[in-house]
Full PDB file with SEQRES, HELIX, SHEET, SSBOND, CRYST1, ORIGX, SCALE, CONECT and MASTER records, all heavy atoms in Angstrom:
SEQRES   1 A   44  LEU SER HIS PRO ILE GLY ALA LEU TYR ASP THR HIS HIS          
SEQRES   2 A   44  GLY MET THR ASN ALA VAL PHE MET PRO TYR VAL LEU ALA          
SEQRES   3 A   44  PHE ASN ARG GLU ALA VAL GLU ASP LYS ILE VAL ARG LEU          
SEQRES   4 A   44  ALA ALA TYR CYS GLY                                          
HELIX    1 AA1 SER A    2  TYR A    9  1                                   8    
HELIX    2 AA2 HIS A   13  PHE A   27  1                                  15    
HELIX    3 AA3 ARG A   29  TYR A   42  1                                  14    
CRYST1    1.000    1.000    1.000  90.00  90.00  90.00 P 1           1          
ORIGX1      1.000000  0.000000  0.000000        0.00000                         
ORIGX2      0.000000  1.000000  0.000000        0.00000                         
ORIGX3      0.000000  0.000000  1.000000        0.00000                         
SCALE1      1.000000  0.000000  0.000000        0.00000                         
SCALE2      0.000000  1.000000  0.000000        0.00000                         
SCALE3      0.000000  0.000000  1.000000        0.00000                         
ATOM      1  N   LEU A   1     -31.628  13.492   4.496  1.00  0.00           N  
ATOM      2  CA  LEU A   1     -31.763  14.039   3.135  1.00  0.00           C  
ATOM      3  C   LEU A   1     -32.190  12.967   2.138  1.00  0.00           C  
ATOM      4  O   LEU A   1     -32.949  13.236   1.200  1.00  0.00           O  
ATOM      5  CB  LEU A   1     -30.439  14.668   2.697  1.00  0.00           C  
ATOM      6  CG  LEU A   1     -30.135  16.003   3.392  1.00  0.00           C  
ATOM      7  CD1 LEU A   1     -28.644  16.263   3.445  1.00  0.00           C  
ATOM      8  CD2 LEU A   1     -30.859  17.144   2.680  1.00  0.00           C  
ATOM      9  N   SER A   2     -31.721  11.756   2.365  1.00  0.00           N  
ATOM     10  CA  SER A   2     -32.053  10.657   1.456  1.00  0.00           C  
ATOM     11  C   SER A   2     -33.543  10.298   1.521  1.00  0.00           C  
ATOM     12  O   SER A   2     -34.158   9.979   0.495  1.00  0.00           O  
ATOM     13  CB  SER A   2     -31.200   9.439   1.820  1.00  0.00           C  
ATOM     14  OG  SER A   2     -31.519   8.340   1.027  1.00  0.00           O  
ATOM     15  N   HIS A   3     -34.127  10.354   2.720  1.00  0.00           N  
ATOM     16  CA  HIS A   3     -35.540   9.976   2.869  1.00  0.00           C  
ATOM     17  C   HIS A   3     -36.484  10.837   2.030  1.00  0.00           C  
ATOM     18  O   HIS A   3     -37.321  10.291   1.295  1.00  0.00           O  
ATOM     19  CB  HIS A   3     -35.942   9.997   4.350  1.00  0.00           C  
ATOM     20  CG  HIS A   3     -35.449   8.808   5.119  1.00  0.00           C  
ATOM     21  ND1 HIS A   3     -35.299   8.803   6.486  1.00  0.00           N  
ATOM     22  CD2 HIS A   3     -35.060   7.572   4.700  1.00  0.00           C  
ATOM     23  CE1 HIS A   3     -34.842   7.627   6.871  1.00  0.00           C  
ATOM     24  NE2 HIS A   3     -34.689   6.858   5.814  1.00  0.00           N  
ATOM     25  N   PRO A   4     -36.401  12.191   2.082  1.00  0.00           N  
ATOM     26  CA  PRO A   4     -37.306  12.974   1.224  1.00  0.00           C  
ATOM     27  C   PRO A   4     -37.044  12.779  -0.275  1.00  0.00           C  
ATOM     28  O   PRO A   4     -37.989  12.752  -1.068  1.00  0.00           O  
ATOM     29  CB  PRO A   4     -37.051  14.427   1.637  1.00  0.00           C  
ATOM     30  CG  PRO A   4     -35.856  14.441   2.504  1.00  0.00           C  
ATOM     31  CD  PRO A   4     -35.678  13.056   3.041  1.00  0.00           C  
ATOM     32  N   ILE A   5     -35.779  12.606  -0.661  1.00  0.00           N  
ATOM     33  CA  ILE A   5     -35.485  12.356  -2.085  1.00  0.00           C  
ATOM     34  C   ILE A   5     -36.131  11.044  -2.525  1.00  0.00           C  
ATOM     35  O   ILE A   5     -36.760  10.950  -3.586  1.00  0.00           O  
ATOM     36  CB  ILE A   5     -33.949  12.323  -2.331  1.00  0.00           C  
ATOM     37  CG1 ILE A   5     -33.317  13.697  -2.078  1.00  0.00           C  
ATOM     38  CG2 ILE A   5     -33.634  11.833  -3.750  1.00  0.00           C  
ATOM     39  CD1 ILE A   5     -33.666  14.784  -3.063  1.00  0.00           C  
ATOM     40  N   GLY A   6     -36.007  10.013  -1.688  1.00  0.00           N  
ATOM     41  CA  GLY A   6     -36.618   8.715  -2.005  1.00  0.00           C  
ATOM     42  C   GLY A   6     -38.126   8.793  -2.073  1.00  0.00           C  
ATOM     43  O   GLY A   6     -38.762   8.191  -2.948  1.00  0.00           O  
ATOM     44  N   ALA A   7     -38.735   9.552  -1.133  1.00  0.00           N  
ATOM     45  CA  ALA A   7     -40.199   9.671  -1.094  1.00  0.00           C  
ATOM     46  C   ALA A   7     -40.732  10.452  -2.291  1.00  0.00           C  
ATOM     47  O   ALA A   7     -41.780  10.118  -2.846  1.00  0.00           O  
ATOM     48  CB  ALA A   7     -40.628  10.341   0.209  1.00  0.00           C  
ATOM     49  N   LEU A   8     -39.992  11.483  -2.718  1.00  0.00           N  
ATOM     50  CA  LEU A   8     -40.474  12.345  -3.818  1.00  0.00           C  
ATOM     51  C   LEU A   8     -40.105  11.815  -5.206  1.00  0.00           C  
ATOM     52  O   LEU A   8     -40.835  12.034  -6.168  1.00  0.00           O  
ATOM     53  CB  LEU A   8     -39.911  13.765  -3.657  1.00  0.00           C  
ATOM     54  CG  LEU A   8     -40.416  14.555  -2.432  1.00  0.00           C  
ATOM     55  CD1 LEU A   8     -39.567  15.798  -2.212  1.00  0.00           C  
ATOM     56  CD2 LEU A   8     -41.885  14.936  -2.596  1.00  0.00           C  
ATOM     57  N   TYR A   9     -38.960  11.125  -5.316  1.00  0.00           N  
ATOM     58  CA  TYR A   9     -38.468  10.709  -6.637  1.00  0.00           C  
ATOM     59  C   TYR A   9     -38.364   9.190  -6.788  1.00  0.00           C  
ATOM     60  O   TYR A   9     -37.939   8.703  -7.839  1.00  0.00           O  
ATOM     61  CB  TYR A   9     -37.096  11.348  -6.924  1.00  0.00           C  
ATOM     62  CG  TYR A   9     -37.143  12.856  -6.987  1.00  0.00           C  
ATOM     63  CD1 TYR A   9     -36.812  13.625  -5.872  1.00  0.00           C  
ATOM     64  CD2 TYR A   9     -37.547  13.521  -8.147  1.00  0.00           C  
ATOM     65  CE1 TYR A   9     -36.861  15.018  -5.913  1.00  0.00           C  
ATOM     66  CE2 TYR A   9     -37.601  14.908  -8.198  1.00  0.00           C  
ATOM     67  CZ  TYR A   9     -37.257  15.655  -7.080  1.00  0.00           C  
ATOM     68  OH  TYR A   9     -37.310  17.029  -7.132  1.00  0.00           O  
ATOM     69  N   ASP A  10     -38.738   8.433  -5.744  1.00  0.00           N  
ATOM     70  CA  ASP A  10     -38.720   6.966  -5.780  1.00  0.00           C  
ATOM     71  C   ASP A  10     -37.346   6.411  -6.170  1.00  0.00           C  
ATOM     72  O   ASP A  10     -37.240   5.467  -6.948  1.00  0.00           O  
ATOM     73  CB  ASP A  10     -39.804   6.445  -6.741  1.00  0.00           C  
ATOM     74  CG  ASP A  10     -40.487   5.194  -6.186  1.00  0.00           C  
ATOM     75  OD1 ASP A  10     -40.365   4.943  -4.959  1.00  0.00           O  
ATOM     76  OD2 ASP A  10     -41.114   4.455  -6.958  1.00  0.00           O  
ATOM     77  N   THR A  11     -36.296   7.007  -5.631  1.00  0.00           N  
ATOM     78  CA  THR A  11     -34.934   6.546  -5.915  1.00  0.00           C  
ATOM     79  C   THR A  11     -34.575   5.353  -5.032  1.00  0.00           C  
ATOM     80  O   THR A  11     -35.227   5.112  -4.020  1.00  0.00           O  
ATOM     81  CB  THR A  11     -33.917   7.673  -5.633  1.00  0.00           C  
ATOM     82  OG1 THR A  11     -34.105   8.125  -4.275  1.00  0.00           O  
ATOM     83  CG2 THR A  11     -34.075   8.825  -6.584  1.00  0.00           C  
ATOM     84  N   HIS A  12     -33.517   4.649  -5.414  1.00  0.00           N  
ATOM     85  CA  HIS A  12     -33.016   3.554  -4.577  1.00  0.00           C  
ATOM     86  C   HIS A  12     -32.403   4.157  -3.316  1.00  0.00           C  
ATOM     87  O   HIS A  12     -31.515   5.013  -3.382  1.00  0.00           O  
ATOM     88  CB  HIS A  12     -31.962   2.727  -5.333  1.00  0.00           C  
ATOM     89  CG  HIS A  12     -31.521   1.510  -4.561  1.00  0.00           C  
ATOM     90  ND1 HIS A  12     -30.568   1.562  -3.574  1.00  0.00           N  
ATOM     91  CD2 HIS A  12     -31.936   0.222  -4.614  1.00  0.00           C  
ATOM     92  CE1 HIS A  12     -30.407   0.353  -3.052  1.00  0.00           C  
ATOM     93  NE2 HIS A  12     -31.215  -0.483  -3.676  1.00  0.00           N  
ATOM     94  N   HIS A  13     -32.881   3.704  -2.165  1.00  0.00           N  
ATOM     95  CA  HIS A  13     -32.489   4.316  -0.884  1.00  0.00           C  
ATOM     96  C   HIS A  13     -30.974   4.275  -0.662  1.00  0.00           C  
ATOM     97  O   HIS A  13     -30.351   5.293  -0.335  1.00  0.00           O  
ATOM     98  CB  HIS A  13     -33.221   3.609   0.266  1.00  0.00           C  
ATOM     99  CG  HIS A  13     -32.737   4.008   1.619  1.00  0.00           C  
ATOM    100  ND1 HIS A  13     -32.902   5.286   2.121  1.00  0.00           N  
ATOM    101  CD2 HIS A  13     -32.066   3.307   2.569  1.00  0.00           C  
ATOM    102  CE1 HIS A  13     -32.356   5.348   3.332  1.00  0.00           C  
ATOM    103  NE2 HIS A  13     -31.852   4.165   3.626  1.00  0.00           N  
ATOM    104  N   GLY A  14     -30.375   3.107  -0.855  1.00  0.00           N  
ATOM    105  CA  GLY A  14     -28.945   2.969  -0.598  1.00  0.00           C  
ATOM    106  C   GLY A  14     -28.103   3.805  -1.538  1.00  0.00           C  
ATOM    107  O   GLY A  14     -27.095   4.403  -1.137  1.00  0.00           O  
ATOM    108  N   MET A  15     -28.508   3.850  -2.802  1.00  0.00           N  
ATOM    109  CA  MET A  15     -27.758   4.638  -3.782  1.00  0.00           C  
ATOM    110  C   MET A  15     -27.892   6.136  -3.482  1.00  0.00           C  
ATOM    111  O   MET A  15     -26.946   6.903  -3.676  1.00  0.00           O  
ATOM    112  CB  MET A  15     -28.263   4.304  -5.196  1.00  0.00           C  
ATOM    113  CG  MET A  15     -27.315   4.667  -6.310  1.00  0.00           C  
ATOM    114  SD  MET A  15     -25.639   4.001  -6.149  1.00  0.00           S  
ATOM    115  CE  MET A  15     -25.729   2.493  -7.063  1.00  0.00           C  
ATOM    116  N   THR A  16     -29.057   6.547  -2.986  1.00  0.00           N  
ATOM    117  CA  THR A  16     -29.252   7.951  -2.603  1.00  0.00           C  
ATOM    118  C   THR A  16     -28.355   8.290  -1.410  1.00  0.00           C  
ATOM    119  O   THR A  16     -27.718   9.353  -1.376  1.00  0.00           O  
ATOM    120  CB  THR A  16     -30.734   8.224  -2.249  1.00  0.00           C  
ATOM    121  OG1 THR A  16     -31.570   7.601  -3.227  1.00  0.00           O  
ATOM    122  CG2 THR A  16     -31.031   9.709  -2.234  1.00  0.00           C  
ATOM    123  N   ASN A  17     -28.284   7.382  -0.444  1.00  0.00           N  
ATOM    124  CA  ASN A  17     -27.352   7.558   0.677  1.00  0.00           C  
ATOM    125  C   ASN A  17     -25.920   7.714   0.175  1.00  0.00           C  
ATOM    126  O   ASN A  17     -25.155   8.544   0.678  1.00  0.00           O  
ATOM    127  CB  ASN A  17     -27.404   6.340   1.615  1.00  0.00           C  
ATOM    128  CG  ASN A  17     -28.583   6.357   2.562  1.00  0.00           C  
ATOM    129  OD1 ASN A  17     -29.210   7.382   2.775  1.00  0.00           O  
ATOM    130  ND2 ASN A  17     -28.886   5.209   3.134  1.00  0.00           N  
ATOM    131  N   ALA A  18     -25.557   6.900  -0.810  1.00  0.00           N  
ATOM    132  CA  ALA A  18     -24.191   6.913  -1.342  1.00  0.00           C  
ATOM    133  C   ALA A  18     -23.853   8.263  -1.967  1.00  0.00           C  
ATOM    134  O   ALA A  18     -22.735   8.763  -1.844  1.00  0.00           O  
ATOM    135  CB  ALA A  18     -24.024   5.793  -2.371  1.00  0.00           C  
ATOM    136  N   VAL A  19     -24.837   8.865  -2.651  1.00  0.00           N  
ATOM    137  CA  VAL A  19     -24.614  10.179  -3.266  1.00  0.00           C  
ATOM    138  C   VAL A  19     -24.370  11.235  -2.185  1.00  0.00           C  
ATOM    139  O   VAL A  19     -23.438  12.036  -2.266  1.00  0.00           O  
ATOM    140  CB  VAL A  19     -25.799  10.583  -4.174  1.00  0.00           C  
ATOM    141  CG1 VAL A  19     -25.646  12.028  -4.661  1.00  0.00           C  
ATOM    142  CG2 VAL A  19     -25.905   9.643  -5.376  1.00  0.00           C  
ATOM    143  N   PHE A  20     -25.183  11.231  -1.138  1.00  0.00           N  
ATOM    144  CA  PHE A  20     -25.084  12.263  -0.098  1.00  0.00           C  
ATOM    145  C   PHE A  20     -23.872  12.084   0.834  1.00  0.00           C  
ATOM    146  O   PHE A  20     -23.434  13.037   1.480  1.00  0.00           O  
ATOM    147  CB  PHE A  20     -26.360  12.283   0.761  1.00  0.00           C  
ATOM    148  CG  PHE A  20     -27.481  13.091   0.167  1.00  0.00           C  
ATOM    149  CD1 PHE A  20     -28.659  12.476  -0.256  1.00  0.00           C  
ATOM    150  CD2 PHE A  20     -27.376  14.466   0.035  1.00  0.00           C  
ATOM    151  CE1 PHE A  20     -29.696  13.220  -0.809  1.00  0.00           C  
ATOM    152  CE2 PHE A  20     -28.400  15.226  -0.505  1.00  0.00           C  
ATOM    153  CZ  PHE A  20     -29.571  14.604  -0.931  1.00  0.00           C  
ATOM    154  N   MET A  21     -23.325  10.876   0.898  1.00  0.00           N  
ATOM    155  CA  MET A  21     -22.348  10.544   1.945  1.00  0.00           C  
ATOM    156  C   MET A  21     -21.164  11.515   2.060  1.00  0.00           C  
ATOM    157  O   MET A  21     -20.893  12.033   3.153  1.00  0.00           O  
ATOM    158  CB  MET A  21     -21.853   9.106   1.736  1.00  0.00           C  
ATOM    159  CG  MET A  21     -21.041   8.567   2.904  1.00  0.00           C  
ATOM    160  SD  MET A  21     -20.623   6.820   2.668  1.00  0.00           S  
ATOM    161  CE  MET A  21     -22.219   6.028   2.833  1.00  0.00           C  
ATOM    162  N   PRO A  22     -20.427  11.808   0.986  1.00  0.00           N  
ATOM    163  CA  PRO A  22     -19.244  12.672   1.166  1.00  0.00           C  
ATOM    164  C   PRO A  22     -19.588  14.103   1.553  1.00  0.00           C  
ATOM    165  O   PRO A  22     -18.821  14.755   2.272  1.00  0.00           O  
ATOM    166  CB  PRO A  22     -18.547  12.614  -0.196  1.00  0.00           C  
ATOM    167  CG  PRO A  22     -19.588  12.199  -1.163  1.00  0.00           C  
ATOM    168  CD  PRO A  22     -20.559  11.342  -0.400  1.00  0.00           C  
ATOM    169  N   TYR A  23     -20.746  14.592   1.094  1.00  0.00           N  
ATOM    170  CA  TYR A  23     -21.144  15.965   1.417  1.00  0.00           C  
ATOM    171  C   TYR A  23     -21.464  16.097   2.908  1.00  0.00           C  
ATOM    172  O   TYR A  23     -21.086  17.073   3.554  1.00  0.00           O  
ATOM    173  CB  TYR A  23     -22.349  16.381   0.561  1.00  0.00           C  
ATOM    174  CG  TYR A  23     -22.117  16.179  -0.919  1.00  0.00           C  
ATOM    175  CD1 TYR A  23     -22.677  15.091  -1.594  1.00  0.00           C  
ATOM    176  CD2 TYR A  23     -21.294  17.041  -1.636  1.00  0.00           C  
ATOM    177  CE1 TYR A  23     -22.438  14.875  -2.943  1.00  0.00           C  
ATOM    178  CE2 TYR A  23     -21.044  16.837  -2.990  1.00  0.00           C  
ATOM    179  CZ  TYR A  23     -21.622  15.753  -3.630  1.00  0.00           C  
ATOM    180  OH  TYR A  23     -21.366  15.539  -4.966  1.00  0.00           O  
ATOM    181  N   VAL A  24     -22.145  15.081   3.439  1.00  0.00           N  
ATOM    182  CA  VAL A  24     -22.506  15.100   4.865  1.00  0.00           C  
ATOM    183  C   VAL A  24     -21.258  14.880   5.727  1.00  0.00           C  
ATOM    184  O   VAL A  24     -21.092  15.529   6.769  1.00  0.00           O  
ATOM    185  CB  VAL A  24     -23.596  14.050   5.173  1.00  0.00           C  
ATOM    186  CG1 VAL A  24     -23.842  13.948   6.678  1.00  0.00           C  
ATOM    187  CG2 VAL A  24     -24.893  14.394   4.445  1.00  0.00           C  
ATOM    188  N   LEU A  25     -20.369  14.004   5.282  1.00  0.00           N  
ATOM    189  CA  LEU A  25     -19.132  13.763   6.029  1.00  0.00           C  
ATOM    190  C   LEU A  25     -18.334  15.065   6.158  1.00  0.00           C  
ATOM    191  O   LEU A  25     -17.846  15.404   7.246  1.00  0.00           O  
ATOM    192  CB  LEU A  25     -18.293  12.683   5.330  1.00  0.00           C  
ATOM    193  CG  LEU A  25     -16.990  12.273   6.033  1.00  0.00           C  
ATOM    194  CD1 LEU A  25     -17.262  11.646   7.395  1.00  0.00           C  
ATOM    195  CD2 LEU A  25     -16.192  11.306   5.156  1.00  0.00           C  
ATOM    196  N   ALA A  26     -18.227  15.817   5.067  1.00  0.00           N  
ATOM    197  CA  ALA A  26     -17.515  17.099   5.094  1.00  0.00           C  
ATOM    198  C   ALA A  26     -18.208  18.089   6.029  1.00  0.00           C  
ATOM    199  O   ALA A  26     -17.553  18.805   6.796  1.00  0.00           O  
ATOM    200  CB  ALA A  26     -17.436  17.675   3.678  1.00  0.00           C  
ATOM    201  N   PHE A  27     -19.528  18.121   5.989  1.00  0.00           N  
ATOM    202  CA  PHE A  27     -20.311  19.027   6.841  1.00  0.00           C  
ATOM    203  C   PHE A  27     -20.092  18.728   8.327  1.00  0.00           C  
ATOM    204  O   PHE A  27     -20.025  19.633   9.166  1.00  0.00           O  
ATOM    205  CB  PHE A  27     -21.794  18.894   6.474  1.00  0.00           C  
ATOM    206  CG  PHE A  27     -22.750  19.607   7.396  1.00  0.00           C  
ATOM    207  CD1 PHE A  27     -22.830  20.992   7.404  1.00  0.00           C  
ATOM    208  CD2 PHE A  27     -23.573  18.888   8.260  1.00  0.00           C  
ATOM    209  CE1 PHE A  27     -23.716  21.658   8.250  1.00  0.00           C  
ATOM    210  CE2 PHE A  27     -24.463  19.541   9.112  1.00  0.00           C  
ATOM    211  CZ  PHE A  27     -24.526  20.932   9.101  1.00  0.00           C  
ATOM    212  N   ASN A  28     -19.944  17.443   8.648  1.00  0.00           N  
ATOM    213  CA  ASN A  28     -19.814  17.015  10.046  1.00  0.00           C  
ATOM    214  C   ASN A  28     -18.366  17.029  10.550  1.00  0.00           C  
ATOM    215  O   ASN A  28     -18.117  16.702  11.714  1.00  0.00           O  
ATOM    216  CB  ASN A  28     -20.370  15.595  10.222  1.00  0.00           C  
ATOM    217  CG  ASN A  28     -21.882  15.553  10.151  1.00  0.00           C  
ATOM    218  OD1 ASN A  28     -22.559  16.536  10.423  1.00  0.00           O  
ATOM    219  ND2 ASN A  28     -22.424  14.396   9.781  1.00  0.00           N  
ATOM    220  N   ARG A  29     -17.430  17.409   9.703  1.00  0.00           N  
ATOM    221  CA  ARG A  29     -16.006  17.242  10.014  1.00  0.00           C  
ATOM    222  C   ARG A  29     -15.614  17.729  11.412  1.00  0.00           C  
ATOM    223  O   ARG A  29     -14.950  17.017  12.169  1.00  0.00           O  
ATOM    224  CB  ARG A  29     -15.152  17.960   8.962  1.00  0.00           C  
ATOM    225  CG  ARG A  29     -13.659  17.836   9.248  1.00  0.00           C  
ATOM    226  CD  ARG A  29     -12.787  18.330   8.124  1.00  0.00           C  
ATOM    227  NE  ARG A  29     -11.395  17.956   8.357  1.00  0.00           N  
ATOM    228  CZ  ARG A  29     -10.490  17.798   7.410  1.00  0.00           C  
ATOM    229  NH1 ARG A  29     -10.808  17.973   6.139  1.00  0.00           N  
ATOM    230  NH2 ARG A  29      -9.248  17.459   7.716  1.00  0.00           N  
ATOM    231  N   GLU A  30     -16.007  18.930  11.743  1.00  0.00           N  
ATOM    232  CA  GLU A  30     -15.597  19.537  13.010  1.00  0.00           C  
ATOM    233  C   GLU A  30     -15.958  18.658  14.216  1.00  0.00           C  
ATOM    234  O   GLU A  30     -15.198  18.547  15.174  1.00  0.00           O  
ATOM    235  CB  GLU A  30     -16.275  20.907  13.143  1.00  0.00           C  
ATOM    236  CG  GLU A  30     -15.756  21.744  14.300  1.00  0.00           C  
ATOM    237  CD  GLU A  30     -16.517  23.054  14.445  1.00  0.00           C  
ATOM    238  OE1 GLU A  30     -17.078  23.548  13.432  1.00  0.00           O  
ATOM    239  OE2 GLU A  30     -16.564  23.570  15.569  1.00  0.00           O  
ATOM    240  N   ALA A  31     -17.118  18.020  14.137  1.00  0.00           N  
ATOM    241  CA  ALA A  31     -17.614  17.230  15.271  1.00  0.00           C  
ATOM    242  C   ALA A  31     -17.061  15.804  15.305  1.00  0.00           C  
ATOM    243  O   ALA A  31     -17.036  15.172  16.362  1.00  0.00           O  
ATOM    244  CB  ALA A  31     -19.139  17.185  15.249  1.00  0.00           C  
ATOM    245  N   VAL A  32     -16.633  15.282  14.144  1.00  0.00           N  
ATOM    246  CA  VAL A  32     -16.291  13.845  14.090  1.00  0.00           C  
ATOM    247  C   VAL A  32     -14.844  13.559  13.695  1.00  0.00           C  
ATOM    248  O   VAL A  32     -14.457  12.395  13.609  1.00  0.00           O  
ATOM    249  CB  VAL A  32     -17.245  13.083  13.123  1.00  0.00           C  
ATOM    250  CG1 VAL A  32     -18.684  13.237  13.557  1.00  0.00           C  
ATOM    251  CG2 VAL A  32     -17.056  13.529  11.671  1.00  0.00           C  
ATOM    252  N   GLU A  33     -14.045  14.599  13.462  1.00  0.00           N  
ATOM    253  CA  GLU A  33     -12.701  14.362  12.912  1.00  0.00           C  
ATOM    254  C   GLU A  33     -11.882  13.377  13.739  1.00  0.00           C  
ATOM    255  O   GLU A  33     -11.278  12.442  13.194  1.00  0.00           O  
ATOM    256  CB  GLU A  33     -11.936  15.689  12.765  1.00  0.00           C  
ATOM    257  CG  GLU A  33     -10.574  15.489  12.117  1.00  0.00           C  
ATOM    258  CD  GLU A  33     -10.026  16.717  11.414  1.00  0.00           C  
ATOM    259  OE1 GLU A  33     -10.637  17.810  11.503  1.00  0.00           O  
ATOM    260  OE2 GLU A  33      -8.987  16.582  10.764  1.00  0.00           O  
ATOM    261  N   ASP A  34     -11.863  13.534  15.056  1.00  0.00           N  
ATOM    262  CA  ASP A  34     -11.069  12.631  15.899  1.00  0.00           C  
ATOM    263  C   ASP A  34     -11.546  11.182  15.769  1.00  0.00           C  
ATOM    264  O   ASP A  34     -10.731  10.249  15.707  1.00  0.00           O  
ATOM    265  CB  ASP A  34     -11.141  13.055  17.372  1.00  0.00           C  
ATOM    266  CG  ASP A  34     -10.360  14.346  17.640  1.00  0.00           C  
ATOM    267  OD1 ASP A  34      -9.600  14.769  16.746  1.00  0.00           O  
ATOM    268  OD2 ASP A  34     -10.529  14.931  18.725  1.00  0.00           O  
ATOM    269  N   LYS A  35     -12.867  10.999  15.736  1.00  0.00           N  
ATOM    270  CA  LYS A  35     -13.422   9.641  15.608  1.00  0.00           C  
ATOM    271  C   LYS A  35     -13.049   9.036  14.252  1.00  0.00           C  
ATOM    272  O   LYS A  35     -12.729   7.843  14.154  1.00  0.00           O  
ATOM    273  CB  LYS A  35     -14.953   9.667  15.754  1.00  0.00           C  
ATOM    274  CG  LYS A  35     -15.445  10.044  17.126  1.00  0.00           C  
ATOM    275  CD  LYS A  35     -16.927   9.782  17.284  1.00  0.00           C  
ATOM    276  CE  LYS A  35     -17.176   8.328  17.635  1.00  0.00           C  
ATOM    277  NZ  LYS A  35     -18.551   8.070  18.067  1.00  0.00           N  
ATOM    278  N   ILE A  36     -13.102   9.855  13.200  1.00  0.00           N  
ATOM    279  CA  ILE A  36     -12.800   9.352  11.858  1.00  0.00           C  
ATOM    280  C   ILE A  36     -11.310   9.021  11.731  1.00  0.00           C  
ATOM    281  O   ILE A  36     -10.934   8.054  11.045  1.00  0.00           O  
ATOM    282  CB  ILE A  36     -13.241  10.371  10.771  1.00  0.00           C  
ATOM    283  CG1 ILE A  36     -14.762  10.568  10.800  1.00  0.00           C  
ATOM    284  CG2 ILE A  36     -12.785   9.926   9.381  1.00  0.00           C  
ATOM    285  CD1 ILE A  36     -15.598   9.349  10.450  1.00  0.00           C  
ATOM    286  N   VAL A  37     -10.450   9.781  12.410  1.00  0.00           N  
ATOM    287  CA  VAL A  37      -9.014   9.470  12.412  1.00  0.00           C  
ATOM    288  C   VAL A  37      -8.788   8.070  13.004  1.00  0.00           C  
ATOM    289  O   VAL A  37      -8.042   7.251  12.451  1.00  0.00           O  
ATOM    290  CB  VAL A  37      -8.224  10.548  13.200  1.00  0.00           C  
ATOM    291  CG1 VAL A  37      -6.787  10.085  13.465  1.00  0.00           C  
ATOM    292  CG2 VAL A  37      -8.214  11.866  12.422  1.00  0.00           C  
ATOM    293  N   ARG A  38      -9.464   7.769  14.128  1.00  0.00           N  
ATOM    294  CA  ARG A  38      -9.351   6.431  14.737  1.00  0.00           C  
ATOM    295  C   ARG A  38      -9.906   5.353  13.805  1.00  0.00           C  
ATOM    296  O   ARG A  38      -9.337   4.271  13.664  1.00  0.00           O  
ATOM    297  CB  ARG A  38     -10.106   6.383  16.073  1.00  0.00           C  
ATOM    298  CG  ARG A  38      -9.475   7.185  17.181  1.00  0.00           C  
ATOM    299  CD  ARG A  38      -9.994   6.759  18.560  1.00  0.00           C  
ATOM    300  NE  ARG A  38     -11.434   6.941  18.720  1.00  0.00           N  
ATOM    301  CZ  ARG A  38     -11.995   8.067  19.128  1.00  0.00           C  
ATOM    302  NH1 ARG A  38     -11.250   9.132  19.386  1.00  0.00           N  
ATOM    303  NH2 ARG A  38     -13.305   8.157  19.273  1.00  0.00           N  
ATOM    304  N   LEU A  39     -11.035   5.666  13.180  1.00  0.00           N  
ATOM    305  CA  LEU A  39     -11.681   4.721  12.261  1.00  0.00           C  
ATOM    306  C   LEU A  39     -10.776   4.412  11.070  1.00  0.00           C  
ATOM    307  O   LEU A  39     -10.614   3.250  10.679  1.00  0.00           O  
ATOM    308  CB  LEU A  39     -13.018   5.310  11.782  1.00  0.00           C  
ATOM    309  CG  LEU A  39     -13.775   4.543  10.714  1.00  0.00           C  
ATOM    310  CD1 LEU A  39     -14.177   3.159  11.206  1.00  0.00           C  
ATOM    311  CD2 LEU A  39     -15.023   5.324  10.280  1.00  0.00           C  
ATOM    312  N   ALA A  40     -10.192   5.460  10.496  1.00  0.00           N  
ATOM    313  CA  ALA A  40      -9.299   5.286   9.340  1.00  0.00           C  
ATOM    314  C   ALA A  40      -8.131   4.376   9.706  1.00  0.00           C  
ATOM    315  O   ALA A  40      -7.768   3.466   8.946  1.00  0.00           O  
ATOM    316  CB  ALA A  40      -8.802   6.649   8.853  1.00  0.00           C  
ATOM    317  N   ALA A  41      -7.558   4.597  10.889  1.00  0.00           N  
ATOM    318  CA  ALA A  41      -6.426   3.773  11.333  1.00  0.00           C  
ATOM    319  C   ALA A  41      -6.841   2.308  11.437  1.00  0.00           C  
ATOM    320  O   ALA A  41      -6.117   1.404  10.999  1.00  0.00           O  
ATOM    321  CB  ALA A  41      -5.904   4.283  12.678  1.00  0.00           C  
ATOM    322  N   TYR A  42      -8.045   2.059  11.995  1.00  0.00           N  
ATOM    323  CA  TYR A  42      -8.520   0.681  12.139  1.00  0.00           C  
ATOM    324  C   TYR A  42      -8.718   0.017  10.776  1.00  0.00           C  
ATOM    325  O   TYR A  42      -8.439  -1.170  10.593  1.00  0.00           O  
ATOM    326  CB  TYR A  42      -9.829   0.649  12.934  1.00  0.00           C  
ATOM    327  CG  TYR A  42     -10.368  -0.751  13.095  1.00  0.00           C  
ATOM    328  CD1 TYR A  42      -9.784  -1.632  14.003  1.00  0.00           C  
ATOM    329  CD2 TYR A  42     -11.434  -1.208  12.332  1.00  0.00           C  
ATOM    330  CE1 TYR A  42     -10.250  -2.926  14.139  1.00  0.00           C  
ATOM    331  CE2 TYR A  42     -11.904  -2.506  12.463  1.00  0.00           C  
ATOM    332  CZ  TYR A  42     -11.309  -3.358  13.362  1.00  0.00           C  
ATOM    333  OH  TYR A  42     -11.767  -4.646  13.493  1.00  0.00           O  
ATOM    334  N   CYS A  43      -9.202   0.801   9.819  1.00  0.00           N  
ATOM    335  CA  CYS A  43      -9.485   0.266   8.473  1.00  0.00           C  
ATOM    336  C   CYS A  43      -8.233   0.195   7.593  1.00  0.00           C  
ATOM    337  O   CYS A  43      -8.324  -0.227   6.436  1.00  0.00           O  
ATOM    338  CB  CYS A  43     -10.547   1.113   7.781  1.00  0.00           C  
ATOM    339  SG  CYS A  43     -12.177   1.017   8.547  1.00  0.00           S  
ATOM    340  N   GLY A  44      -7.098   0.634   8.135  1.00  0.00           N  
ATOM    341  CA  GLY A  44      -5.863   0.609   7.346  1.00  0.00           C  
ATOM    342  C   GLY A  44      -5.820   1.690   6.286  1.00  0.00           C  
ATOM    343  O   GLY A  44      -5.149   1.545   5.255  1.00  0.00           O  
TER     344      GLY A  44                                                      
MASTER        0    0    0    3    0    0    0    6  343    1    0    4          
END                                                                             
């Protein structure tokens, strides 16, 4: 999603990724929840 926004609006790529991040994380929840639980534990 970030790539077309950057190509059409010349936005900063990393900042565009940052905007989309929580929405995509929520969308992917069903597939990644177990992995994210392990990740959260590692990150404290």
